[in-house]
Amino acid sequence: MSKPEFVGREAVLEQRGQTPQWRFAGFVAGDGDADVLASDPIIAGDELVGYVTLGRNASRGREAARAQLFGYRDGGARDPVRD
């Protein structure tokens, strides 16, 4: 790492290359009827992979046909977009 010394540098170097426990990700859910609330589960297939931290329901904006949400997902879970 070429960045100069900073508090926590050793911890960053230790974690480098490891799979993170949680990943912050954006999702699109439902068919326009989904009501998304904080702490709702994020499910991929039949597997619980995380929890919602912020959601925007489709009914709150004409530009959104489906619910948009952000949340933390299990860092080790399969990523359907990348895998």
N, C-alpha and C. Protein backbone atom coordinates (compact mmCIF):
# COMPACT_ATOMS: atom_id res chain seq x y z
N MET A 1 0.86 -1.17 0.00
CA MET A 1 0.00 0.00 0.00
C MET A 1 0.90 1.23 0.00
N SER A 2 0.67 2.12 -0.94
CA SER A 2 1.54 3.29 -1.09
C SER A 2 1.06 4.50 -0.29
N LYS A 3 -0.11 4.39 0.35
CA LYS A 3 -0.63 5.51 1.13
C LYS A 3 0.24 5.71 2.38
N PRO A 4 0.47 6.98 2.76
CA PRO A 4 1.30 7.22 3.95
C PRO A 4 0.63 6.68 5.22
N GLU A 5 1.36 6.73 6.29
CA GLU A 5 0.87 6.23 7.58
C GLU A 5 -0.46 6.89 7.96
N PHE A 6 -1.37 6.10 8.53
CA PHE A 6 -2.64 6.61 9.06
C PHE A 6 -3.11 5.65 10.13
N VAL A 7 -3.97 6.12 11.01
CA VAL A 7 -4.51 5.29 12.09
C VAL A 7 -5.34 4.17 11.46
N GLY A 8 -5.05 2.94 11.82
CA GLY A 8 -5.79 1.80 11.30
C GLY A 8 -5.13 1.14 10.09
N ARG A 9 -3.97 1.63 9.68
CA ARG A 9 -3.30 1.10 8.49
C ARG A 9 -3.00 -0.40 8.63
N GLU A 10 -2.54 -0.81 9.81
CA GLU A 10 -2.22 -2.22 10.02
C GLU A 10 -3.46 -3.10 9.87
N ALA A 11 -4.61 -2.63 10.37
CA ALA A 11 -5.87 -3.38 10.25
C ALA A 11 -6.29 -3.52 8.79
N VAL A 12 -6.12 -2.45 8.02
CA VAL A 12 -6.46 -2.50 6.59
C VAL A 12 -5.58 -3.52 5.88
N LEU A 13 -4.29 -3.51 6.17
CA LEU A 13 -3.37 -4.45 5.54
C LEU A 13 -3.70 -5.90 5.91
N GLU A 14 -4.13 -6.13 7.16
CA GLU A 14 -4.52 -7.48 7.59
C GLU A 14 -5.75 -7.97 6.82
N GLN A 15 -6.71 -7.09 6.57
CA GLN A 15 -7.96 -7.48 5.93
C GLN A 15 -7.87 -7.54 4.41
N ARG A 16 -6.84 -6.98 3.87
CA ARG A 16 -6.67 -6.95 2.41
C ARG A 16 -6.63 -8.37 1.85
N GLY A 17 -7.41 -8.61 0.82
CA GLY A 17 -7.44 -9.92 0.21
C GLY A 17 -8.40 -10.90 0.84
N GLN A 18 -8.98 -10.55 1.99
CA GLN A 18 -9.96 -11.42 2.64
C GLN A 18 -11.36 -11.10 2.13
N THR A 19 -12.24 -12.08 2.15
CA THR A 19 -13.64 -11.84 1.79
C THR A 19 -14.30 -11.06 2.92
N PRO A 20 -14.93 -9.92 2.63
CA PRO A 20 -15.57 -9.15 3.69
C PRO A 20 -16.77 -9.90 4.26
N GLN A 21 -17.05 -9.66 5.54
CA GLN A 21 -18.20 -10.31 6.17
C GLN A 21 -19.51 -9.81 5.55
N TRP A 22 -19.59 -8.52 5.25
CA TRP A 22 -20.79 -7.93 4.66
C TRP A 22 -20.39 -7.03 3.50
N ARG A 23 -21.26 -6.95 2.49
CA ARG A 23 -21.07 -6.04 1.36
C ARG A 23 -22.29 -5.13 1.25
N PHE A 24 -22.06 -3.84 1.01
CA PHE A 24 -23.14 -2.89 0.81
C PHE A 24 -23.51 -2.94 -0.67
N ALA A 25 -24.79 -3.11 -0.96
CA ALA A 25 -25.21 -3.27 -2.35
C ALA A 25 -26.57 -2.63 -2.59
N GLY A 26 -26.84 -2.32 -3.85
CA GLY A 26 -28.15 -1.81 -4.26
C GLY A 26 -28.94 -2.91 -4.93
N PHE A 27 -30.26 -2.86 -4.77
CA PHE A 27 -31.14 -3.89 -5.31
C PHE A 27 -32.38 -3.25 -5.90
N VAL A 28 -33.03 -3.97 -6.78
CA VAL A 28 -34.35 -3.59 -7.30
C VAL A 28 -35.25 -4.77 -6.97
N ALA A 29 -36.43 -4.50 -6.41
CA ALA A 29 -37.28 -5.59 -5.94
C ALA A 29 -38.72 -5.44 -6.41
N GLY A 30 -39.37 -6.57 -6.53
CA GLY A 30 -40.80 -6.60 -6.76
C GLY A 30 -41.22 -6.20 -8.16
N ASP A 31 -42.52 -6.12 -8.32
CA ASP A 31 -43.13 -5.81 -9.61
C ASP A 31 -43.89 -4.49 -9.55
N GLY A 32 -43.54 -3.64 -8.61
CA GLY A 32 -44.22 -2.36 -8.46
C GLY A 32 -45.11 -2.31 -7.23
N ASP A 33 -45.37 -3.46 -6.62
CA ASP A 33 -46.22 -3.50 -5.44
C ASP A 33 -45.43 -3.67 -4.15
N ALA A 34 -44.11 -3.78 -4.24
CA ALA A 34 -43.30 -4.07 -3.06
C ALA A 34 -43.22 -2.85 -2.14
N ASP A 35 -43.45 -3.07 -0.86
CA ASP A 35 -43.24 -2.06 0.17
C ASP A 35 -42.00 -2.47 0.94
N VAL A 36 -40.93 -1.72 0.78
CA VAL A 36 -39.65 -2.08 1.36
C VAL A 36 -39.39 -1.22 2.58
N LEU A 37 -39.05 -1.84 3.68
CA LEU A 37 -38.77 -1.14 4.93
C LEU A 37 -37.39 -1.52 5.44
N ALA A 38 -36.78 -0.65 6.23
CA ALA A 38 -35.50 -0.96 6.84
C ALA A 38 -35.63 -2.22 7.68
N SER A 39 -34.60 -3.03 7.66
CA SER A 39 -34.51 -4.30 8.40
C SER A 39 -35.26 -5.44 7.73
N ASP A 40 -35.92 -5.21 6.58
CA ASP A 40 -36.54 -6.31 5.84
C ASP A 40 -35.43 -7.24 5.35
N PRO A 41 -35.71 -8.54 5.27
CA PRO A 41 -34.69 -9.47 4.79
C PRO A 41 -34.48 -9.33 3.29
N ILE A 42 -33.27 -9.60 2.84
CA ILE A 42 -32.94 -9.68 1.42
C ILE A 42 -32.75 -11.15 1.12
N ILE A 43 -33.57 -11.68 0.23
CA ILE A 43 -33.55 -13.10 -0.08
C ILE A 43 -33.20 -13.29 -1.55
N ALA A 44 -32.24 -14.17 -1.81
CA ALA A 44 -31.85 -14.53 -3.18
C ALA A 44 -32.17 -16.00 -3.35
N GLY A 45 -33.12 -16.29 -4.22
CA GLY A 45 -33.58 -17.68 -4.36
C GLY A 45 -34.30 -18.08 -3.09
N ASP A 46 -33.78 -19.08 -2.40
CA ASP A 46 -34.34 -19.52 -1.13
C ASP A 46 -33.43 -19.16 0.04
N GLU A 47 -32.43 -18.33 -0.20
CA GLU A 47 -31.41 -18.06 0.80
C GLU A 47 -31.49 -16.63 1.34
N LEU A 48 -31.47 -16.49 2.66
CA LEU A 48 -31.40 -15.18 3.30
C LEU A 48 -29.96 -14.70 3.15
N VAL A 49 -29.76 -13.56 2.46
CA VAL A 49 -28.40 -13.09 2.21
C VAL A 49 -28.10 -11.74 2.85
N GLY A 50 -29.09 -11.07 3.45
CA GLY A 50 -28.81 -9.79 4.07
C GLY A 50 -30.05 -9.08 4.54
N TYR A 51 -29.89 -7.80 4.85
CA TYR A 51 -30.99 -6.99 5.36
C TYR A 51 -30.98 -5.60 4.73
N VAL A 52 -32.16 -5.04 4.53
CA VAL A 52 -32.33 -3.72 3.94
C VAL A 52 -31.94 -2.65 4.96
N THR A 53 -31.24 -1.61 4.50
CA THR A 53 -30.96 -0.46 5.35
C THR A 53 -31.77 0.76 4.91
N LEU A 54 -32.08 0.84 3.61
CA LEU A 54 -32.84 1.98 3.08
C LEU A 54 -33.62 1.52 1.87
N GLY A 55 -34.90 1.85 1.82
CA GLY A 55 -35.71 1.47 0.68
C GLY A 55 -36.54 2.62 0.16
N ARG A 56 -36.85 2.58 -1.13
CA ARG A 56 -37.74 3.57 -1.76
C ARG A 56 -38.81 2.79 -2.50
N ASN A 57 -40.03 2.93 -2.04
CA ASN A 57 -41.13 2.19 -2.63
C ASN A 57 -41.48 2.75 -4.00
N ALA A 58 -41.94 1.90 -4.88
CA ALA A 58 -42.28 2.29 -6.24
C ALA A 58 -43.38 3.34 -6.27
N SER A 59 -44.25 3.33 -5.29
CA SER A 59 -45.37 4.27 -5.27
C SER A 59 -44.94 5.70 -4.98
N ARG A 60 -43.69 5.91 -4.59
CA ARG A 60 -43.23 7.25 -4.23
C ARG A 60 -42.66 8.05 -5.40
N GLY A 61 -42.64 7.48 -6.56
CA GLY A 61 -42.10 8.23 -7.69
C GLY A 61 -42.51 7.61 -9.00
N ARG A 62 -42.94 8.43 -9.92
CA ARG A 62 -43.39 7.88 -11.20
C ARG A 62 -42.25 7.30 -12.01
N GLU A 63 -41.01 7.72 -11.71
CA GLU A 63 -39.87 7.20 -12.45
C GLU A 63 -39.49 5.79 -12.01
N ALA A 64 -39.99 5.36 -10.87
CA ALA A 64 -39.62 4.05 -10.33
C ALA A 64 -40.75 3.05 -10.54
N ALA A 65 -40.53 2.10 -11.40
CA ALA A 65 -41.54 1.07 -11.64
C ALA A 65 -41.45 -0.03 -10.59
N ARG A 66 -40.31 -0.15 -9.93
CA ARG A 66 -40.11 -1.15 -8.89
C ARG A 66 -39.43 -0.52 -7.69
N ALA A 67 -39.51 -1.20 -6.56
CA ALA A 67 -38.89 -0.70 -5.33
C ALA A 67 -37.37 -0.74 -5.46
N GLN A 68 -36.73 0.31 -4.99
CA GLN A 68 -35.27 0.40 -4.99
C GLN A 68 -34.82 0.33 -3.55
N LEU A 69 -33.77 -0.41 -3.28
CA LEU A 69 -33.33 -0.54 -1.90
C LEU A 69 -31.83 -0.71 -1.83
N PHE A 70 -31.30 -0.40 -0.66
CA PHE A 70 -29.89 -0.61 -0.35
C PHE A 70 -29.83 -1.44 0.90
N GLY A 71 -28.80 -2.23 1.00
CA GLY A 71 -28.66 -3.04 2.19
C GLY A 71 -27.32 -3.74 2.24
N TYR A 72 -27.10 -4.40 3.35
CA TYR A 72 -25.90 -5.20 3.52
C TYR A 72 -26.24 -6.64 3.23
N ARG A 73 -25.41 -7.28 2.39
CA ARG A 73 -25.60 -8.68 2.08
C ARG A 73 -24.39 -9.45 2.56
N ASP A 74 -24.58 -10.71 2.82
CA ASP A 74 -23.52 -11.59 3.29
C ASP A 74 -22.36 -11.54 2.29
N GLY A 75 -21.18 -11.23 2.75
CA GLY A 75 -20.02 -11.11 1.87
C GLY A 75 -19.63 -12.41 1.21
N GLY A 76 -19.98 -13.54 1.82
CA GLY A 76 -19.62 -14.83 1.26
C GLY A 76 -20.71 -15.42 0.38
N ALA A 77 -21.89 -14.80 0.34
CA ALA A 77 -23.00 -15.34 -0.45
C ALA A 77 -22.73 -15.15 -1.93
N ARG A 78 -23.29 -16.04 -2.74
CA ARG A 78 -23.14 -15.94 -4.19
C ARG A 78 -23.76 -14.64 -4.67
N ASP A 79 -23.06 -13.95 -5.55
CA ASP A 79 -23.56 -12.71 -6.13
C ASP A 79 -24.16 -13.05 -7.49
N PRO A 80 -25.49 -12.97 -7.64
CA PRO A 80 -26.11 -13.37 -8.90
C PRO A 80 -25.68 -12.52 -10.09
N VAL A 81 -25.19 -11.32 -9.86
CA VAL A 81 -24.76 -10.45 -10.96
C VAL A 81 -23.34 -10.81 -11.38
N ARG A 82 -22.47 -11.06 -10.44
CA ARG A 82 -21.05 -11.31 -10.74
C ARG A 82 -20.72 -12.78 -10.93
N ASP A 83 -21.48 -13.68 -10.31
CA ASP A 83 -21.16 -15.12 -10.38
C ASP A 83 -21.89 -15.79 -11.53
